N, C-alpha and C. Protein backbone atom coordinates (compact mmCIF):
# COMPACT_ATOMS: atom_id res chain seq x y z
N MET A 1 -23.71 -50.68 35.11
CA MET A 1 -22.75 -50.01 36.52
C MET A 1 -23.55 -49.78 37.71
N GLN A 2 -23.69 -49.82 38.50
CA GLN A 2 -24.52 -49.82 39.41
C GLN A 2 -23.88 -48.22 40.71
N GLN A 3 -24.00 -47.31 40.91
CA GLN A 3 -23.90 -46.52 41.93
C GLN A 3 -24.66 -46.67 42.80
N ARG A 4 -24.53 -46.72 44.44
CA ARG A 4 -25.36 -46.30 46.35
C ARG A 4 -26.90 -47.31 45.25
N GLY A 5 -26.39 -48.68 44.56
CA GLY A 5 -27.85 -48.42 44.32
C GLY A 5 -28.48 -48.29 43.39
N LYS A 6 -28.35 -47.50 42.48
CA LYS A 6 -28.90 -46.15 41.35
C LYS A 6 -28.48 -47.59 40.57
N ILE A 7 -29.21 -47.24 38.95
CA ILE A 7 -29.17 -48.11 38.27
C ILE A 7 -28.26 -46.97 37.23
N VAL A 8 -26.71 -46.30 36.65
CA VAL A 8 -26.64 -45.91 35.70
C VAL A 8 -26.41 -46.11 34.04
N ASP A 9 -27.56 -45.55 33.34
CA ASP A 9 -26.82 -45.74 31.88
C ASP A 9 -27.04 -44.42 31.07
N ALA A 10 -27.17 -44.51 29.70
CA ALA A 10 -26.78 -43.06 28.70
C ALA A 10 -28.08 -43.14 29.19
N GLU A 11 -29.26 -43.54 29.25
CA GLU A 11 -30.36 -42.00 29.25
C GLU A 11 -30.38 -41.62 31.06
N ASN A 12 -30.44 -41.79 32.44
CA ASN A 12 -29.95 -41.24 32.95
C ASN A 12 -28.28 -41.12 33.49
N HIS A 13 -28.44 -40.09 33.19
CA HIS A 13 -26.53 -40.31 33.48
C HIS A 13 -26.72 -38.80 35.10
N VAL A 14 -28.13 -38.38 35.79
CA VAL A 14 -28.26 -37.34 36.56
C VAL A 14 -27.21 -38.12 38.12
N VAL A 15 -27.88 -39.81 37.96
CA VAL A 15 -26.90 -40.40 39.22
C VAL A 15 -25.84 -39.92 39.02
N LEU A 16 -24.67 -39.61 37.92
CA LEU A 16 -23.34 -39.96 37.71
C LEU A 16 -23.20 -38.88 38.43
N THR A 17 -23.41 -37.01 37.55
CA THR A 17 -22.85 -36.18 38.08
C THR A 17 -23.69 -35.38 39.41
N GLU A 18 -23.86 -36.33 39.59
CA GLU A 18 -24.57 -35.50 41.76
C GLU A 18 -23.16 -35.71 43.02
N THR A 19 -22.36 -37.53 42.02
CA THR A 19 -21.81 -37.83 42.63
C THR A 19 -20.21 -37.12 43.01
N TYR A 20 -20.19 -35.75 41.84
CA TYR A 20 -18.80 -34.83 42.24
C TYR A 20 -19.49 -33.24 42.86
N PRO A 21 -18.79 -33.42 43.22
CA PRO A 21 -18.94 -31.74 43.58
C PRO A 21 -18.88 -30.81 42.52
N LYS A 22 -19.73 -29.29 42.19
CA LYS A 22 -19.48 -28.78 40.93
C LYS A 22 -18.38 -27.78 40.97
N HIS A 23 -17.84 -27.70 39.91
CA HIS A 23 -16.61 -27.67 39.92
C HIS A 23 -16.49 -25.52 40.11
N ALA A 24 -15.46 -25.27 40.21
CA ALA A 24 -15.40 -23.61 40.13
C ALA A 24 -16.44 -22.68 38.53
N LEU A 25 -14.72 -23.54 37.72
CA LEU A 25 -15.70 -22.51 36.51
C LEU A 25 -17.22 -23.41 35.87
N SER A 26 -17.33 -24.57 36.55
CA SER A 26 -18.75 -24.55 36.10
C SER A 26 -19.44 -23.76 35.74
N GLU A 27 -19.46 -22.75 36.45
CA GLU A 27 -20.70 -21.52 36.81
C GLU A 27 -21.10 -20.08 36.27
N THR A 28 -18.91 -19.96 35.26
CA THR A 28 -18.55 -19.42 34.54
C THR A 28 -19.78 -18.86 33.30
N ILE A 29 -19.56 -17.41 32.69
CA ILE A 29 -20.60 -17.69 32.30
C ILE A 29 -19.36 -16.33 30.43
N PRO A 30 -19.12 -17.37 29.60
CA PRO A 30 -18.39 -16.33 29.25
C PRO A 30 -18.45 -16.04 28.37
N SER A 31 -18.25 -14.45 28.01
CA SER A 31 -18.33 -13.39 27.45
C SER A 31 -18.34 -13.73 26.17
N MET A 32 -17.39 -14.38 25.69
CA MET A 32 -17.91 -15.06 24.16
C MET A 32 -18.82 -15.31 23.58
N LYS A 33 -19.12 -16.17 22.03
CA LYS A 33 -19.95 -17.03 22.41
C LYS A 33 -18.95 -17.97 21.69
N THR A 34 -17.61 -17.31 20.92
CA THR A 34 -17.08 -18.52 19.54
C THR A 34 -15.08 -18.42 20.16
N CYS A 35 -14.49 -19.20 19.26
CA CYS A 35 -13.73 -18.90 19.60
C CYS A 35 -13.27 -17.20 17.98
N THR A 36 -14.12 -17.55 17.43
CA THR A 36 -13.84 -16.20 16.27
C THR A 36 -13.73 -15.06 16.81
N GLU A 37 -14.75 -14.82 18.05
CA GLU A 37 -15.44 -13.37 18.19
C GLU A 37 -13.79 -13.39 19.44
N LEU A 38 -13.78 -14.34 20.51
CA LEU A 38 -12.70 -14.14 21.49
C LEU A 38 -10.87 -13.49 20.78
N LEU A 39 -11.34 -14.07 19.39
CA LEU A 39 -9.51 -13.69 18.65
C LEU A 39 -10.30 -12.17 18.23
N ALA A 40 -11.30 -11.58 17.08
CA ALA A 40 -11.11 -10.73 17.36
C ALA A 40 -11.31 -9.94 18.54
N TYR A 41 -11.67 -9.62 19.55
CA TYR A 41 -11.90 -9.03 20.72
C TYR A 41 -10.43 -9.36 21.01
N ARG A 42 -9.66 -10.37 21.55
CA ARG A 42 -8.22 -10.13 21.83
C ARG A 42 -7.31 -9.63 20.81
N LYS A 43 -7.38 -9.02 19.43
CA LYS A 43 -7.20 -8.43 18.60
C LYS A 43 -6.89 -7.14 18.73
N GLY A 44 -8.38 -6.57 18.36
CA GLY A 44 -8.83 -5.08 19.25
C GLY A 44 -8.19 -4.72 20.23
N ILE A 45 -7.61 -5.49 21.23
CA ILE A 45 -7.28 -5.15 23.10
C ILE A 45 -6.25 -5.10 21.86
N GLU A 46 -5.40 -6.47 21.58
CA GLU A 46 -3.91 -6.12 21.39
C GLU A 46 -3.01 -4.41 20.06
N LYS A 47 -4.03 -4.47 18.88
CA LYS A 47 -4.50 -3.02 18.04
C LYS A 47 -4.43 -1.61 18.23
N GLU A 48 -5.11 -1.76 20.12
CA GLU A 48 -5.38 -0.46 21.04
C GLU A 48 -4.40 -0.19 21.67
N ASP A 49 -3.65 -1.37 22.55
CA ASP A 49 -1.83 -1.49 23.08
C ASP A 49 -1.39 -0.50 22.07
N ILE A 50 -0.95 -0.81 21.32
CA ILE A 50 0.20 -0.77 20.46
C ILE A 50 0.13 1.23 19.85
N ARG A 51 -1.50 1.00 19.76
CA ARG A 51 -2.25 2.47 19.80
C ARG A 51 -1.21 3.86 20.47
N CYS A 52 -2.00 2.63 21.63
CA CYS A 52 -1.39 3.70 22.87
C CYS A 52 0.23 4.01 22.69
N LYS A 53 0.88 2.73 22.79
CA LYS A 53 2.09 2.81 23.08
C LYS A 53 2.86 3.90 21.74
N LYS A 54 1.67 3.82 20.68
CA LYS A 54 3.12 4.27 19.88
C LYS A 54 2.25 6.32 19.96
N THR A 55 1.38 6.11 20.44
CA THR A 55 1.14 7.39 21.13
C THR A 55 1.87 7.88 22.06
N LYS A 56 2.66 7.64 22.73
CA LYS A 56 3.12 7.30 24.34
C LYS A 56 4.57 8.05 23.67
N ARG A 57 4.88 7.39 22.71
CA ARG A 57 6.46 7.21 22.02
C ARG A 57 6.26 8.89 20.95
N ASP A 58 5.41 8.74 20.28
CA ASP A 58 5.47 10.28 19.44
C ASP A 58 5.43 11.18 20.67
N GLU A 59 4.43 11.90 21.76
CA GLU A 59 4.38 12.67 22.45
C GLU A 59 6.26 12.89 22.69
N LYS A 60 6.67 11.51 22.78
CA LYS A 60 8.06 11.43 23.94
C LYS A 60 8.93 12.16 22.94
N VAL A 61 9.20 11.67 21.59
CA VAL A 61 10.08 12.39 20.64
C VAL A 61 9.84 13.46 19.93
N ALA A 62 8.11 14.08 20.46
CA ALA A 62 7.68 15.61 18.99
C ALA A 62 7.92 17.06 19.25
N HIS A 63 9.49 17.15 20.13
CA HIS A 63 10.62 17.97 20.07
C HIS A 63 11.25 17.73 18.69
N LEU A 64 11.87 16.39 18.38
CA LEU A 64 12.03 15.96 18.02
C LEU A 64 11.83 16.36 16.23
N GLN A 65 10.44 16.52 16.24
CA GLN A 65 10.27 16.82 14.38
C GLN A 65 10.40 18.49 14.08
N LYS A 66 10.87 18.96 15.10
CA LYS A 66 11.14 20.40 15.12
C LYS A 66 12.56 20.62 14.36
N ILE A 67 13.34 19.84 14.64
CA ILE A 67 15.21 19.78 13.66
C ILE A 67 14.52 19.40 12.59
N GLN A 68 15.53 19.81 11.34
CA GLN A 68 15.61 19.31 10.55
C GLN A 68 16.16 19.07 9.83
N PHE A 69 16.87 17.87 9.89
CA PHE A 69 17.53 16.75 9.62
C PHE A 69 18.21 16.62 7.96
N LYS A 70 18.73 16.96 7.43
CA LYS A 70 18.88 16.18 6.51
C LYS A 70 18.67 14.90 5.66
N ASP A 71 18.39 14.07 4.97
CA ASP A 71 18.74 13.17 4.55
C ASP A 71 19.54 13.47 3.76
N TYR A 72 20.60 13.49 2.95
CA TYR A 72 21.78 13.31 2.33
C TYR A 72 23.04 14.03 3.27
N TYR A 73 24.17 13.88 2.42
CA TYR A 73 25.46 14.02 2.72
C TYR A 73 26.23 15.02 1.10
N ARG A 74 26.62 16.28 1.92
CA ARG A 74 27.02 16.79 0.89
C ARG A 74 27.98 18.00 1.19
N PRO A 75 28.86 17.99 0.46
CA PRO A 75 30.21 17.88 0.86
C PRO A 75 31.14 19.31 0.59
N ASP A 76 31.48 19.91 1.08
CA ASP A 76 31.46 21.43 1.38
C ASP A 76 32.35 22.10 0.13
N GLU A 77 33.25 21.24 -0.70
CA GLU A 77 32.79 21.92 -1.74
C GLU A 77 32.15 21.54 -3.03
N PHE A 78 30.74 21.52 -2.62
CA PHE A 78 29.45 21.15 -3.56
C PHE A 78 29.20 22.19 -4.37
N VAL A 79 29.42 21.80 -6.27
CA VAL A 79 28.28 23.58 -6.16
C VAL A 79 26.61 22.64 -7.01
N GLU A 80 26.41 23.76 -7.44
CA GLU A 80 24.95 23.08 -7.23
C GLU A 80 24.79 23.02 -9.26
N ASN A 81 25.16 24.70 -10.16
CA ASN A 81 25.55 24.56 -11.39
C ASN A 81 26.62 24.82 -11.59
N PRO A 82 28.21 23.92 -11.44
CA PRO A 82 29.55 24.27 -12.01
C PRO A 82 29.82 24.92 -13.34
N GLN A 83 31.38 25.05 -13.25
CA GLN A 83 31.04 25.89 -14.47
C GLN A 83 31.69 25.16 -15.43
N TYR A 84 32.39 23.91 -15.07
CA TYR A 84 32.79 23.16 -15.53
C TYR A 84 32.79 21.64 -15.17
N THR A 85 32.25 20.40 -16.33
CA THR A 85 31.70 19.82 -16.02
C THR A 85 32.20 17.77 -16.93
N ALA A 86 33.59 18.40 -17.27
CA ALA A 86 34.70 17.58 -16.81
C ALA A 86 35.81 17.55 -15.54
N THR A 87 35.58 15.84 -15.35
CA THR A 87 36.99 16.57 -14.40
C THR A 87 38.17 16.05 -14.39
N TRP A 88 38.54 16.38 -15.90
CA TRP A 88 40.06 15.96 -16.84
C TRP A 88 40.32 17.31 -17.03
């Protein structure tokens, strides 16, 4: 293969790289070196986002924590220690 009168082969590929303009993203230096680091970084961001949302929610419903809720239902006729336990 010849390119503008110059021979391009496996050892001389500089001529081929000079034919196209440089891509804008080719000069971007990535902040993470491996995909594992990138995944851990993104997971950390997600955990932080969840923590922030949880604290905002807790602040929003903090007044409800002062209210005592019954975790069971007891009828008005209920007696803690009845005198008679038989129902017949």
